[in-house]
């Protein structure tokens, strides 16, 4: 987080998400991942997307924020990856 934030203080997990994303929204999405590897992939994707946005805007000293749009887009991408990997495993049999 120091890479794209102000580097002076660490952000807590709840501070990374916009106010319109509730704790329950986050927990439900993490539960949908079912496997820790996918939950980690989701969180890494969310943080990377938020940092990418800050860096793309050229802002300095700004903490990244995960918007509803980023949350939905990254969640959908990870779910698609899970479906694809599951389908690949079924085809191996």
C-alpha atoms as a PDB file:
ATOM      1  CA  UNK A   1       0.000   0.000   0.000  1.00  0.00           C
ATOM      2  CA  UNK A   2       2.920   2.316   0.563  1.00  0.00           C
ATOM      3  CA  UNK A   3       3.678   2.107  -3.151  1.00  0.00           C
ATOM      4  CA  UNK A   4       0.562   3.994  -4.146  1.00  0.00           C
ATOM      5  CA  UNK A   5      -0.372   5.666  -0.868  1.00  0.00           C
ATOM      6  CA  UNK A   6       1.352   8.408   1.023  1.00  0.00           C
ATOM      7  CA  UNK A   7       3.682   5.921   2.715  1.00  0.00           C
ATOM      8  CA  UNK A   8       3.266   7.643   6.076  1.00  0.00           C
ATOM      9  CA  UNK A   9       0.688   5.340   7.559  1.00  0.00           C
ATOM     10  CA  UNK A  10      -0.779   1.972   6.796  1.00  0.00           C
ATOM     11  CA  UNK A  11      -4.416   1.735   5.818  1.00  0.00           C
ATOM     12  CA  UNK A  12      -6.682  -0.726   7.551  1.00  0.00           C
ATOM     13  CA  UNK A  13      -8.646  -3.123   5.406  1.00  0.00           C
ATOM     14  CA  UNK A  14     -11.938  -1.356   6.065  1.00  0.00           C
ATOM     15  CA  UNK A  15     -10.436   1.991   5.012  1.00  0.00           C
ATOM     16  CA  UNK A  16      -9.620   0.625   1.560  1.00  0.00           C
ATOM     17  CA  UNK A  17     -13.270   0.196   0.580  1.00  0.00           C
ATOM     18  CA  UNK A  18     -15.642   3.008  -0.336  1.00  0.00           C
ATOM     19  CA  UNK A  19     -18.386   3.633   2.194  1.00  0.00           C
ATOM     20  CA  UNK A  20     -21.042   2.096  -0.079  1.00  0.00           C
ATOM     21  CA  UNK A  21     -19.351  -1.323   0.195  1.00  0.00           C
ATOM     22  CA  UNK A  22     -20.418  -2.815   3.494  1.00  0.00           C
ATOM     23  CA  UNK A  23     -18.511  -5.267   5.637  1.00  0.00           C
ATOM     24  CA  UNK A  24     -21.215  -7.822   4.789  1.00  0.00           C
ATOM     25  CA  UNK A  25     -20.629  -7.270   1.043  1.00  0.00           C
ATOM     26  CA  UNK A  26     -16.937  -8.025   1.516  1.00  0.00           C
ATOM     27  CA  UNK A  27     -17.551 -11.086   3.690  1.00  0.00           C
ATOM     28  CA  UNK A  28     -20.153 -12.504   1.301  1.00  0.00           C
ATOM     29  CA  UNK A  29     -17.822 -12.124  -1.654  1.00  0.00           C
ATOM     30  CA  UNK A  30     -14.928 -13.726   0.214  1.00  0.00           C
ATOM     31  CA  UNK A  31     -17.202 -16.629   1.219  1.00  0.00           C
ATOM     32  CA  UNK A  32     -18.095 -17.140  -2.451  1.00  0.00           C
ATOM     33  CA  UNK A  33     -14.417 -17.756  -3.175  1.00  0.00           C
ATOM     34  CA  UNK A  34     -14.536 -20.926  -0.997  1.00  0.00           C
ATOM     35  CA  UNK A  35     -10.784 -21.577  -1.292  1.00  0.00           C
ATOM     36  CA  UNK A  36      -8.177 -19.355   0.409  1.00  0.00           C
ATOM     37  CA  UNK A  37      -6.193 -19.098  -2.836  1.00  0.00           C
ATOM     38  CA  UNK A  38      -9.179 -17.499  -4.572  1.00  0.00           C
ATOM     39  CA  UNK A  39      -9.899 -15.201  -1.630  1.00  0.00           C
ATOM     40  CA  UNK A  40      -6.284 -14.070  -1.791  1.00  0.00           C
ATOM     41  CA  UNK A  41      -6.547 -13.594  -5.559  1.00  0.00           C
ATOM     42  CA  UNK A  42      -9.655 -11.447  -5.013  1.00  0.00           C
ATOM     43  CA  UNK A  43      -8.031  -9.233  -2.384  1.00  0.00           C
ATOM     44  CA  UNK A  44      -4.806  -8.875  -4.382  1.00  0.00           C
ATOM     45  CA  UNK A  45      -6.830  -7.937  -7.459  1.00  0.00           C
ATOM     46  CA  UNK A  46      -8.842  -5.351  -5.540  1.00  0.00           C
ATOM     47  CA  UNK A  47      -5.793  -3.719  -4.006  1.00  0.00           C
ATOM     48  CA  UNK A  48      -3.876  -3.756  -7.307  1.00  0.00           C
ATOM     49  CA  UNK A  49      -6.809  -2.194  -9.172  1.00  0.00           C
ATOM     50  CA  UNK A  50      -7.158   0.553  -6.561  1.00  0.00           C
ATOM     51  CA  UNK A  51      -3.426   1.288  -6.646  1.00  0.00           C
ATOM     52  CA  UNK A  52      -3.415   1.264 -10.459  1.00  0.00           C
ATOM     53  CA  UNK A  53      -6.142   3.912 -10.420  1.00  0.00           C
ATOM     54  CA  UNK A  54      -4.194   6.152  -8.039  1.00  0.00           C
ATOM     55  CA  UNK A  55      -1.011   5.778 -10.096  1.00  0.00           C
ATOM     56  CA  UNK A  56      -2.857   6.336 -13.390  1.00  0.00           C
ATOM     57  CA  UNK A  57      -4.331   9.561 -12.023  1.00  0.00           C
ATOM     58  CA  UNK A  58      -0.830  10.725 -11.136  1.00  0.00           C
ATOM     59  CA  UNK A  59      -1.945  11.547  -7.618  1.00  0.00           C
ATOM     60  CA  UNK A  60       0.571  11.599  -4.807  1.00  0.00           C
ATOM     61  CA  UNK A  61      -0.147  11.159  -1.137  1.00  0.00           C
ATOM     62  CA  UNK A  62      -3.560   9.663  -1.848  1.00  0.00           C
ATOM     63  CA  UNK A  63      -4.689   6.456  -0.218  1.00  0.00           C
ATOM     64  CA  UNK A  64      -6.134   3.989  -2.722  1.00  0.00           C
ATOM     65  CA  UNK A  65      -9.837   3.326  -2.491  1.00  0.00           C
ATOM     66  CA  UNK A  66     -11.787   0.347  -3.791  1.00  0.00           C
ATOM     67  CA  UNK A  67     -14.921   1.642  -5.455  1.00  0.00           C
ATOM     68  CA  UNK A  68     -18.110  -0.346  -6.028  1.00  0.00           C
ATOM     69  CA  UNK A  69     -17.232  -0.552  -9.724  1.00  0.00           C
ATOM     70  CA  UNK A  70     -13.766  -1.980  -9.023  1.00  0.00           C
ATOM     71  CA  UNK A  71     -15.214  -4.358  -6.422  1.00  0.00           C
ATOM     72  CA  UNK A  72     -17.770  -5.716  -8.890  1.00  0.00           C
ATOM     73  CA  UNK A  73     -15.358  -5.875 -11.837  1.00  0.00           C
ATOM     74  CA  UNK A  74     -12.577  -7.690  -9.971  1.00  0.00           C
ATOM     75  CA  UNK A  75     -15.052 -10.027  -8.240  1.00  0.00           C
ATOM     76  CA  UNK A  76     -16.555 -10.956 -11.593  1.00  0.00           C
ATOM     77  CA  UNK A  77     -13.122 -11.558 -13.141  1.00  0.00           C
ATOM     78  CA  UNK A  78     -12.035 -13.844 -10.294  1.00  0.00           C
ATOM     79  CA  UNK A  79     -15.338 -15.762 -10.450  1.00  0.00           C
ATOM     80  CA  UNK A  80     -14.827 -16.217 -14.205  1.00  0.00           C
ATOM     81  CA  UNK A  81     -11.319 -17.557 -13.546  1.00  0.00           C
ATOM     82  CA  UNK A  82     -12.714 -20.010 -10.990  1.00  0.00           C
ATOM     83  CA  UNK A  83     -15.335 -21.249 -13.457  1.00  0.00           C
ATOM     84  CA  UNK A  84     -12.710 -21.623 -16.170  1.00  0.00           C
ATOM     85  CA  UNK A  85     -10.349 -23.565 -13.908  1.00  0.00           C
ATOM     86  CA  UNK A  86     -13.206 -25.782 -12.710  1.00  0.00           C
ATOM     87  CA  UNK A  87     -14.268 -26.471 -16.296  1.00  0.00           C
ATOM     88  CA  UNK A  88     -10.665 -27.309 -17.246  1.00  0.00           C
ATOM     89  CA  UNK A  89     -10.505 -29.827 -14.403  1.00  0.00           C
ATOM     90  CA  UNK A  90     -13.759 -31.458 -15.499  1.00  0.00           C
ATOM     91  CA  UNK A  91     -12.454 -31.823 -19.042  1.00  0.00           C
ATOM     92  CA  UNK A  92      -9.323 -33.655 -17.796  1.00  0.00           C
ATOM     93  CA  UNK A  93     -11.396 -36.578 -16.518  1.00  0.00           C
END
